[in-house]
Amino acid sequence: MERAVILTRGATLQVAPMAVADFREPVTLEDAERDHIRKALVEANWVVGGARGAAARLGLKRTTLISKIGKLGVRRAGDGR
């Protein structure tokens, strides 16, 4: 991801198709980050803190992850809240 950010010119992140298989077209860094956080939350059964929580999986502090979740609008699929 870091390499893609460094090598991309302009406002849209350009990644090799193999690097991010879920995306069919160019995405923004914000979209990629939101998707990455959502996947970590799903893997952690939506537990943010603790040794097996999403924050630990992402290498972030719990409070930093909570802030990013709010800023990026990360929600569970089908969660209308």
PDB file of N, CA and C in Angstrom:
ATOM      1  N   MET A   1       0.828  -1.184   0.000  1.00  0.00           N
ATOM      2  CA  MET A   1       0.000   0.000   0.000  1.00  0.00           C
ATOM      3  C   MET A   1       0.875   1.251   0.000  1.00  0.00           C
ATOM      4  N   GLU A   2       1.894   1.229   0.852  1.00  0.00           N
ATOM      5  CA  GLU A   2       2.776   2.391   0.931  1.00  0.00           C
ATOM      6  C   GLU A   2       3.462   2.644  -0.413  1.00  0.00           C
ATOM      7  N   ARG A   3       3.895   1.579  -1.055  1.00  0.00           N
ATOM      8  CA  ARG A   3       4.547   1.704  -2.362  1.00  0.00           C
ATOM      9  C   ARG A   3       3.597   2.316  -3.385  1.00  0.00           C
ATOM     10  N   ALA A   4       2.345   1.873  -3.363  1.00  0.00           N
ATOM     11  CA  ALA A   4       1.360   2.412  -4.303  1.00  0.00           C
ATOM     12  C   ALA A   4       1.149   3.903  -4.071  1.00  0.00           C
ATOM     13  N   VAL A   5       1.127   4.317  -2.802  1.00  0.00           N
ATOM     14  CA  VAL A   5       0.952   5.739  -2.482  1.00  0.00           C
ATOM     15  C   VAL A   5       2.137   6.547  -3.004  1.00  0.00           C
ATOM     16  N   ILE A   6       3.336   6.032  -2.802  1.00  0.00           N
ATOM     17  CA  ILE A   6       4.543   6.744  -3.231  1.00  0.00           C
ATOM     18  C   ILE A   6       4.608   6.860  -4.750  1.00  0.00           C
ATOM     19  N   LEU A   7       4.230   5.798  -5.456  1.00  0.00           N
ATOM     20  CA  LEU A   7       4.371   5.778  -6.907  1.00  0.00           C
ATOM     21  C   LEU A   7       3.205   6.396  -7.667  1.00  0.00           C
ATOM     22  N   THR A   8       2.083   6.617  -7.005  1.00  0.00           N
ATOM     23  CA  THR A   8       0.903   7.156  -7.673  1.00  0.00           C
ATOM     24  C   THR A   8       1.024   8.661  -7.864  1.00  0.00           C
ATOM     25  N   ARG A   9       0.650   9.100  -9.050  1.00  0.00           N
ATOM     26  CA  ARG A   9       0.602  10.540  -9.333  1.00  0.00           C
ATOM     27  C   ARG A   9      -0.868  10.938  -9.398  1.00  0.00           C
ATOM     28  N   GLY A  10      -1.216  12.061  -8.795  1.00  0.00           N
ATOM     29  CA  GLY A  10      -2.587  12.532  -8.819  1.00  0.00           C
ATOM     30  C   GLY A  10      -3.362  12.100  -7.588  1.00  0.00           C
ATOM     31  N   ALA A  11      -4.676  12.305  -7.617  1.00  0.00           N
ATOM     32  CA  ALA A  11      -5.524  12.084  -6.446  1.00  0.00           C
ATOM     33  C   ALA A  11      -6.084  10.670  -6.339  1.00  0.00           C
ATOM     34  N   THR A  12      -5.928   9.841  -7.370  1.00  0.00           N
ATOM     35  CA  THR A  12      -6.480   8.491  -7.361  1.00  0.00           C
ATOM     36  C   THR A  12      -5.363   7.479  -7.222  1.00  0.00           C
ATOM     37  N   LEU A  13      -5.500   6.584  -6.249  1.00  0.00           N
ATOM     38  CA  LEU A  13      -4.490   5.570  -5.991  1.00  0.00           C
ATOM     39  C   LEU A  13      -4.467   4.559  -7.135  1.00  0.00           C
ATOM     40  N   GLN A  14      -3.288   4.309  -7.667  1.00  0.00           N
ATOM     41  CA  GLN A  14      -3.109   3.340  -8.742  1.00  0.00           C
ATOM     42  C   GLN A  14      -2.378   2.133  -8.166  1.00  0.00           C
ATOM     43  N   VAL A  15      -3.008   0.976  -8.185  1.00  0.00           N
ATOM     44  CA  VAL A  15      -2.372  -0.237  -7.674  1.00  0.00           C
ATOM     45  C   VAL A  15      -2.433  -1.325  -8.738  1.00  0.00           C
ATOM     46  N   ALA A  16      -1.498  -2.247  -8.644  1.00  0.00           N
ATOM     47  CA  ALA A  16      -1.495  -3.377  -9.568  1.00  0.00           C
ATOM     48  C   ALA A  16      -2.710  -4.247  -9.278  1.00  0.00           C
ATOM     49  N   PRO A  17      -3.354  -4.823 -10.288  1.00  0.00           N
ATOM     50  CA  PRO A  17      -4.545  -5.645 -10.072  1.00  0.00           C
ATOM     51  C   PRO A  17      -4.345  -6.760  -9.061  1.00  0.00           C
ATOM     52  N   MET A  18      -3.158  -7.341  -8.982  1.00  0.00           N
ATOM     53  CA  MET A  18      -2.903  -8.418  -8.035  1.00  0.00           C
ATOM     54  C   MET A  18      -2.844  -7.907  -6.602  1.00  0.00           C
ATOM     55  N   ALA A  19      -2.449  -6.654  -6.395  1.00  0.00           N
ATOM     56  CA  ALA A  19      -2.260  -6.117  -5.047  1.00  0.00           C
ATOM     57  C   ALA A  19      -3.581  -5.967  -4.301  1.00  0.00           C
ATOM     58  N   VAL A  20      -4.619  -5.547  -4.992  1.00  0.00           N
ATOM     59  CA  VAL A  20      -5.921  -5.344  -4.373  1.00  0.00           C
ATOM     60  C   VAL A  20      -6.966  -5.985  -5.275  1.00  0.00           C
ATOM     61  N   ALA A  21      -7.210  -7.249  -5.080  1.00  0.00           N
ATOM     62  CA  ALA A  21      -8.061  -8.018  -5.984  1.00  0.00           C
ATOM     63  C   ALA A  21      -9.523  -7.603  -5.931  1.00  0.00           C
ATOM     64  N   ASP A  22      -9.980  -7.012  -4.824  1.00  0.00           N
ATOM     65  CA  ASP A  22     -11.389  -6.655  -4.684  1.00  0.00           C
ATOM     66  C   ASP A  22     -11.788  -5.438  -5.520  1.00  0.00           C
ATOM     67  N   PHE A  23     -10.816  -4.646  -5.954  1.00  0.00           N
ATOM     68  CA  PHE A  23     -11.124  -3.418  -6.670  1.00  0.00           C
ATOM     69  C   PHE A  23     -10.987  -3.632  -8.173  1.00  0.00           C
ATOM     70  N   ARG A  24     -11.971  -3.198  -8.904  1.00  0.00           N
ATOM     71  CA  ARG A  24     -11.968  -3.372 -10.351  1.00  0.00           C
ATOM     72  C   ARG A  24     -11.504  -2.105 -11.067  1.00  0.00           C
ATOM     73  N   GLU A  25     -11.525  -0.977 -10.404  1.00  0.00           N
ATOM     74  CA  GLU A  25     -11.134   0.292 -10.994  1.00  0.00           C
ATOM     75  C   GLU A  25     -10.318   1.069  -9.972  1.00  0.00           C
ATOM     76  N   PRO A  26      -9.661   2.147 -10.372  1.00  0.00           N
ATOM     77  CA  PRO A  26      -8.867   2.924  -9.413  1.00  0.00           C
ATOM     78  C   PRO A  26      -9.729   3.407  -8.238  1.00  0.00           C
ATOM     79  N   VAL A  27      -9.127   3.391  -7.061  1.00  0.00           N
ATOM     80  CA  VAL A  27      -9.824   3.838  -5.858  1.00  0.00           C
ATOM     81  C   VAL A  27      -8.995   4.900  -5.159  1.00  0.00           C
ATOM     82  N   THR A  28      -9.633   5.659  -4.306  1.00  0.00           N
ATOM     83  CA  THR A  28      -8.904   6.648  -3.527  1.00  0.00           C
ATOM     84  C   THR A  28      -8.227   5.960  -2.356  1.00  0.00           C
ATOM     85  N   LEU A  29      -7.235   6.607  -1.795  1.00  0.00           N
ATOM     86  CA  LEU A  29      -6.555   6.076  -0.626  1.00  0.00           C
ATOM     87  C   LEU A  29      -7.551   5.911   0.522  1.00  0.00           C
ATOM     88  N   GLU A  30      -8.482   6.842   0.644  1.00  0.00           N
ATOM     89  CA  GLU A  30      -9.510   6.766   1.688  1.00  0.00           C
ATOM     90  C   GLU A  30     -10.369   5.511   1.517  1.00  0.00           C
ATOM     91  N   ASP A  31     -10.764   5.203   0.297  1.00  0.00           N
ATOM     92  CA  ASP A  31     -11.562   3.993   0.038  1.00  0.00           C
ATOM     93  C   ASP A  31     -10.776   2.735   0.383  1.00  0.00           C
ATOM     94  N   ALA A  32      -9.504   2.711  -0.001  1.00  0.00           N
ATOM     95  CA  ALA A  32      -8.659   1.554   0.280  1.00  0.00           C
ATOM     96  C   ALA A  32      -8.472   1.374   1.787  1.00  0.00           C
ATOM     97  N   GLU A  33      -8.259   2.484   2.495  1.00  0.00           N
ATOM     98  CA  GLU A  33      -8.084   2.416   3.949  1.00  0.00           C
ATOM     99  C   GLU A  33      -9.369   1.945   4.624  1.00  0.00           C
ATOM    100  N   ARG A  34     -10.507   2.454   4.166  1.00  0.00           N
ATOM    101  CA  ARG A  34     -11.803   2.052   4.731  1.00  0.00           C
ATOM    102  C   ARG A  34     -12.018   0.546   4.545  1.00  0.00           C
ATOM    103  N   ASP A  35     -11.714   0.042   3.360  1.00  0.00           N
ATOM    104  CA  ASP A  35     -11.882  -1.375   3.075  1.00  0.00           C
ATOM    105  C   ASP A  35     -10.935  -2.220   3.925  1.00  0.00           C
ATOM    106  N   HIS A  36      -9.703  -1.775   4.069  1.00  0.00           N
ATOM    107  CA  HIS A  36      -8.705  -2.500   4.861  1.00  0.00           C
ATOM    108  C   HIS A  36      -9.135  -2.579   6.333  1.00  0.00           C
ATOM    109  N   ILE A  37      -9.630  -1.475   6.865  1.00  0.00           N
ATOM    110  CA  ILE A  37     -10.098  -1.452   8.258  1.00  0.00           C
ATOM    111  C   ILE A  37     -11.322  -2.352   8.414  1.00  0.00           C
ATOM    112  N   ARG A  38     -12.261  -2.278   7.473  1.00  0.00           N
ATOM    113  CA  ARG A  38     -13.465  -3.110   7.554  1.00  0.00           C
ATOM    114  C   ARG A  38     -13.096  -4.594   7.545  1.00  0.00           C
ATOM    115  N   LYS A  39     -12.146  -4.990   6.694  1.00  0.00           N
ATOM    116  CA  LYS A  39     -11.718  -6.390   6.644  1.00  0.00           C
ATOM    117  C   LYS A  39     -11.084  -6.826   7.966  1.00  0.00           C
ATOM    118  N   ALA A  40     -10.261  -5.971   8.561  1.00  0.00           N
ATOM    119  CA  ALA A  40      -9.648  -6.303   9.854  1.00  0.00           C
ATOM    120  C   ALA A  40     -10.713  -6.437  10.935  1.00  0.00           C
ATOM    121  N   LEU A  41     -11.720  -5.576  10.898  1.00  0.00           N
ATOM    122  CA  LEU A  41     -12.809  -5.659  11.879  1.00  0.00           C
ATOM    123  C   LEU A  41     -13.608  -6.947  11.708  1.00  0.00           C
ATOM    124  N   VAL A  42     -13.874  -7.335  10.485  1.00  0.00           N
ATOM    125  CA  VAL A  42     -14.600  -8.581  10.226  1.00  0.00           C
ATOM    126  C   VAL A  42     -13.785  -9.765  10.739  1.00  0.00           C
ATOM    127  N   GLU A  43     -12.474  -9.781  10.451  1.00  0.00           N
ATOM    128  CA  GLU A  43     -11.612 -10.865  10.922  1.00  0.00           C
ATOM    129  C   GLU A  43     -11.567 -10.936  12.444  1.00  0.00           C
ATOM    130  N   ALA A  44     -11.703  -9.778  13.107  1.00  0.00           N
ATOM    131  CA  ALA A  44     -11.665  -9.723  14.565  1.00  0.00           C
ATOM    132  C   ALA A  44     -13.077  -9.788  15.168  1.00  0.00           C
ATOM    133  N   ASN A  45     -14.057 -10.150  14.343  1.00  0.00           N
ATOM    134  CA  ASN A  45     -15.452 -10.226  14.789  1.00  0.00           C
ATOM    135  C   ASN A  45     -15.920  -8.897  15.382  1.00  0.00           C
ATOM    136  N   TRP A  46     -15.475  -7.802  14.791  1.00  0.00           N
ATOM    137  CA  TRP A  46     -15.828  -6.432  15.156  1.00  0.00           C
ATOM    138  C   TRP A  46     -15.382  -6.042  16.562  1.00  0.00           C
ATOM    139  N   VAL A  47     -14.354  -6.741  17.067  1.00  0.00           N
ATOM    140  CA  VAL A  47     -13.724  -6.359  18.336  1.00  0.00           C
ATOM    141  C   VAL A  47     -12.586  -5.417  17.992  1.00  0.00           C
ATOM    142  N   VAL A  48     -12.585  -4.236  18.605  1.00  0.00           N
ATOM    143  CA  VAL A  48     -11.584  -3.226  18.275  1.00  0.00           C
ATOM    144  C   VAL A  48     -10.314  -3.409  19.098  1.00  0.00           C
ATOM    145  N   GLY A  49     -10.447  -3.536  20.420  1.00  0.00           N
ATOM    146  CA  GLY A  49      -9.283  -3.601  21.305  1.00  0.00           C
ATOM    147  C   GLY A  49      -8.900  -5.014  21.673  1.00  0.00           C
ATOM    148  N   GLY A  50      -7.849  -5.108  22.490  1.00  0.00           N
ATOM    149  CA  GLY A  50      -7.388  -6.406  22.952  1.00  0.00           C
ATOM    150  C   GLY A  50      -6.338  -7.001  22.030  1.00  0.00           C
ATOM    151  N   ALA A  51      -5.734  -8.080  22.507  1.00  0.00           N
ATOM    152  CA  ALA A  51      -4.635  -8.712  21.772  1.00  0.00           C
ATOM    153  C   ALA A  51      -5.060  -9.261  20.420  1.00  0.00           C
ATOM    154  N   ARG A  52      -6.313  -9.666  20.283  1.00  0.00           N
ATOM    155  CA  ARG A  52      -6.798 -10.227  19.009  1.00  0.00           C
ATOM    156  C   ARG A  52      -7.757  -9.291  18.276  1.00  0.00           C
ATOM    157  N   GLY A  53      -7.859  -8.067  18.752  1.00  0.00           N
ATOM    158  CA  GLY A  53      -8.762  -7.096  18.143  1.00  0.00           C
ATOM    159  C   GLY A  53      -8.207  -6.504  16.859  1.00  0.00           C
ATOM    160  N   ALA A  54      -9.049  -5.758  16.177  1.00  0.00           N
ATOM    161  CA  ALA A  54      -8.684  -5.170  14.888  1.00  0.00           C
ATOM    162  C   ALA A  54      -7.520  -4.188  15.014  1.00  0.00           C
ATOM    163  N   ALA A  55      -7.474  -3.424  16.114  1.00  0.00           N
ATOM    164  CA  ALA A  55      -6.386  -2.457  16.283  1.00  0.00           C
ATOM    165  C   ALA A  55      -5.035  -3.170  16.319  1.00  0.00           C
ATOM    166  N   ALA A  56      -4.947  -4.262  17.053  1.00  0.00           N
ATOM    167  CA  ALA A  56      -3.688  -5.030  17.120  1.00  0.00           C
ATOM    168  C   ALA A  56      -3.345  -5.610  15.753  1.00  0.00           C
ATOM    169  N   ARG A  57      -4.324  -6.093  15.032  1.00  0.00           N
ATOM    170  CA  ARG A  57      -4.086  -6.660  13.698  1.00  0.00           C
ATOM    171  C   ARG A  57      -3.542  -5.610  12.737  1.00  0.00           C
ATOM    172  N   LEU A  58      -3.994  -4.369  12.915  1.00  0.00           N
ATOM    173  CA  LEU A  58      -3.571  -3.287  12.030  1.00  0.00           C
ATOM    174  C   LEU A  58      -2.328  -2.561  12.537  1.00  0.00           C
ATOM    175  N   GLY A  59      -1.899  -2.878  13.749  1.00  0.00           N
ATOM    176  CA  GLY A  59      -0.731  -2.209  14.316  1.00  0.00           C
ATOM    177  C   GLY A  59      -1.030  -0.791  14.752  1.00  0.00           C
ATOM    178  N   LEU A  60      -2.270  -0.543  15.180  1.00  0.00           N
ATOM    179  CA  LEU A  60      -2.694   0.780  15.618  1.00  0.00           C
ATOM    180  C   LEU A  60      -3.088   0.761  17.087  1.00  0.00           C
ATOM    181  N   LYS A  61      -3.072   1.938  17.701  1.00  0.00           N
ATOM    182  CA  LYS A  61      -3.643   2.069  19.038  1.00  0.00           C
ATOM    183  C   LYS A  61      -5.159   1.981  18.894  1.00  0.00           C
ATOM    184  N   ARG A  62      -5.809   1.471  19.935  1.00  0.00           N
ATOM    185  CA  ARG A  62      -7.269   1.326  19.917  1.00  0.00           C
ATOM    186  C   ARG A  62      -7.944   2.671  19.640  1.00  0.00           C
ATOM    187  N   THR A  63      -7.472   3.729  20.305  1.00  0.00           N
ATOM    188  CA  THR A  63      -8.098   5.050  20.136  1.00  0.00           C
ATOM    189  C   THR A  63      -7.891   5.594  18.722  1.00  0.00           C
ATOM    190  N   THR A  64      -6.738   5.283  18.130  1.00  0.00           N
ATOM    191  CA  THR A  64      -6.486   5.720  16.753  1.00  0.00           C
ATOM    192  C   THR A  64      -7.440   5.023  15.795  1.00  0.00           C
ATOM    193  N   LEU A  65      -7.633   3.727  15.989  1.00  0.00           N
ATOM    194  CA  LEU A  65      -8.554   2.987  15.128  1.00  0.00           C
ATOM    195  C   LEU A  65      -9.985   3.502  15.289  1.00  0.00           C
ATOM    196  N   ILE A  66     -10.402   3.748  16.518  1.00  0.00           N
ATOM    197  CA  ILE A  66     -11.753   4.279  16.752  1.00  0.00           C
ATOM    198  C   ILE A  66     -11.923   5.613  16.032  1.00  0.00           C
ATOM    199  N   SER A  67     -10.904   6.449  16.074  1.00  0.00           N
ATOM    200  CA  SER A  67     -10.955   7.740  15.380  1.00  0.00           C
ATOM    201  C   SER A  67     -11.073   7.544  13.873  1.00  0.00           C
ATOM    202  N   LYS A  68     -10.293   6.625  13.321  1.00  0.00           N
ATOM    203  CA  LYS A  68     -10.342   6.362  11.879  1.00  0.00           C
ATOM    204  C   LYS A  68     -11.693   5.786  11.465  1.00  0.00           C
ATOM    205  N   ILE A  69     -12.262   4.928  12.300  1.00  0.00           N
ATOM    206  CA  ILE A  69     -13.574   4.348  12.000  1.00  0.00           C
ATOM    207  C   ILE A  69     -14.607   5.459  11.863  1.00  0.00           C
ATOM    208  N   GLY A  70     -14.579   6.415  12.786  1.00  0.00           N
ATOM    209  CA  GLY A  70     -15.517   7.535  12.725  1.00  0.00           C
ATOM    210  C   GLY A  70     -15.256   8.443  11.540  1.00  0.00           C
ATOM    211  N   LYS A  71     -13.986   8.785  11.321  1.00  0.00           N
ATOM    212  CA  LYS A  71     -13.612   9.690  10.233  1.00  0.00           C
ATOM    213  C   LYS A  71     -13.960   9.108   8.866  1.00  0.00           C
ATOM    214  N   LEU A  72     -13.708   7.813   8.697  1.00  0.00           N
ATOM    215  CA  LEU A  72     -13.940   7.167   7.406  1.00  0.00           C
ATOM    216  C   LEU A  72     -15.361   6.637   7.241  1.00  0.00           C
ATOM    217  N   GLY A  73     -16.141   6.668   8.319  1.00  0.00           N
ATOM    218  CA  GLY A  73     -17.519   6.188   8.230  1.00  0.00           C
ATOM    219  C   GLY A  73     -17.625   4.684   8.046  1.00  0.00           C
ATOM    220  N   VAL A  74     -16.733   3.935   8.704  1.00  0.00           N
ATOM    221  CA  VAL A  74     -16.743   2.476   8.585  1.00  0.00           C
ATOM    222  C   VAL A  74     -17.955   1.934   9.332  1.00  0.00           C
ATOM    223  N   ARG A  75     -18.752   1.136   8.645  1.00  0.00           N
ATOM    224  CA  ARG A  75     -19.961   0.548   9.240  1.00  0.00           C
ATOM    225  C   ARG A  75     -20.039  -0.923   8.864  1.00  0.00           C
ATOM    226  N   ARG A  76     -20.748  -1.690   9.675  1.00  0.00           N
ATOM    227  CA  ARG A  76     -21.017  -3.081   9.314  1.00  0.00           C
ATOM    228  C   ARG A  76     -21.953  -3.100   8.118  1.00  0.00           C
ATOM    229  N   ALA A  77     -21.818  -4.092   7.266  1.00  0.00           N
ATOM    230  CA  ALA A  77     -22.716  -4.217   6.117  1.00  0.00           C
ATOM    231  C   ALA A  77     -24.146  -4.350   6.620  1.00  0.00           C
ATOM    232  N   GLY A  78     -25.040  -3.567   6.060  1.00  0.00           N
ATOM    233  CA  GLY A  78     -26.437  -3.620   6.449  1.00  0.00           C
ATOM    234  C   GLY A  78     -26.766  -2.829   7.693  1.00  0.00           C
ATOM    235  N   ASP A  79     -25.773  -2.169   8.286  1.00  0.00           N
ATOM    236  CA  ASP A  79     -25.981  -1.368   9.501  1.00  0.00           C
ATOM    237  C   ASP A  79     -26.422   0.032   9.092  1.00  0.00           C
ATOM    238  N   GLY A  80     -27.669   0.335   9.311  1.00  0.00           N
ATOM    239  CA  GLY A  80     -28.216   1.631   8.914  1.00  0.00           C
ATOM    240  C   GLY A  80     -27.861   2.766   9.852  1.00  0.00           C
ATOM    241  N   ARG A  81     -27.122   2.472  10.920  1.00  0.00           N
ATOM    242  CA  ARG A  81     -26.776   3.532  11.865  1.00  0.00           C
ATOM    243  C   ARG A  81     -25.702   4.416  11.342  1.00  0.00           C
TER     244      ARG A  81
END
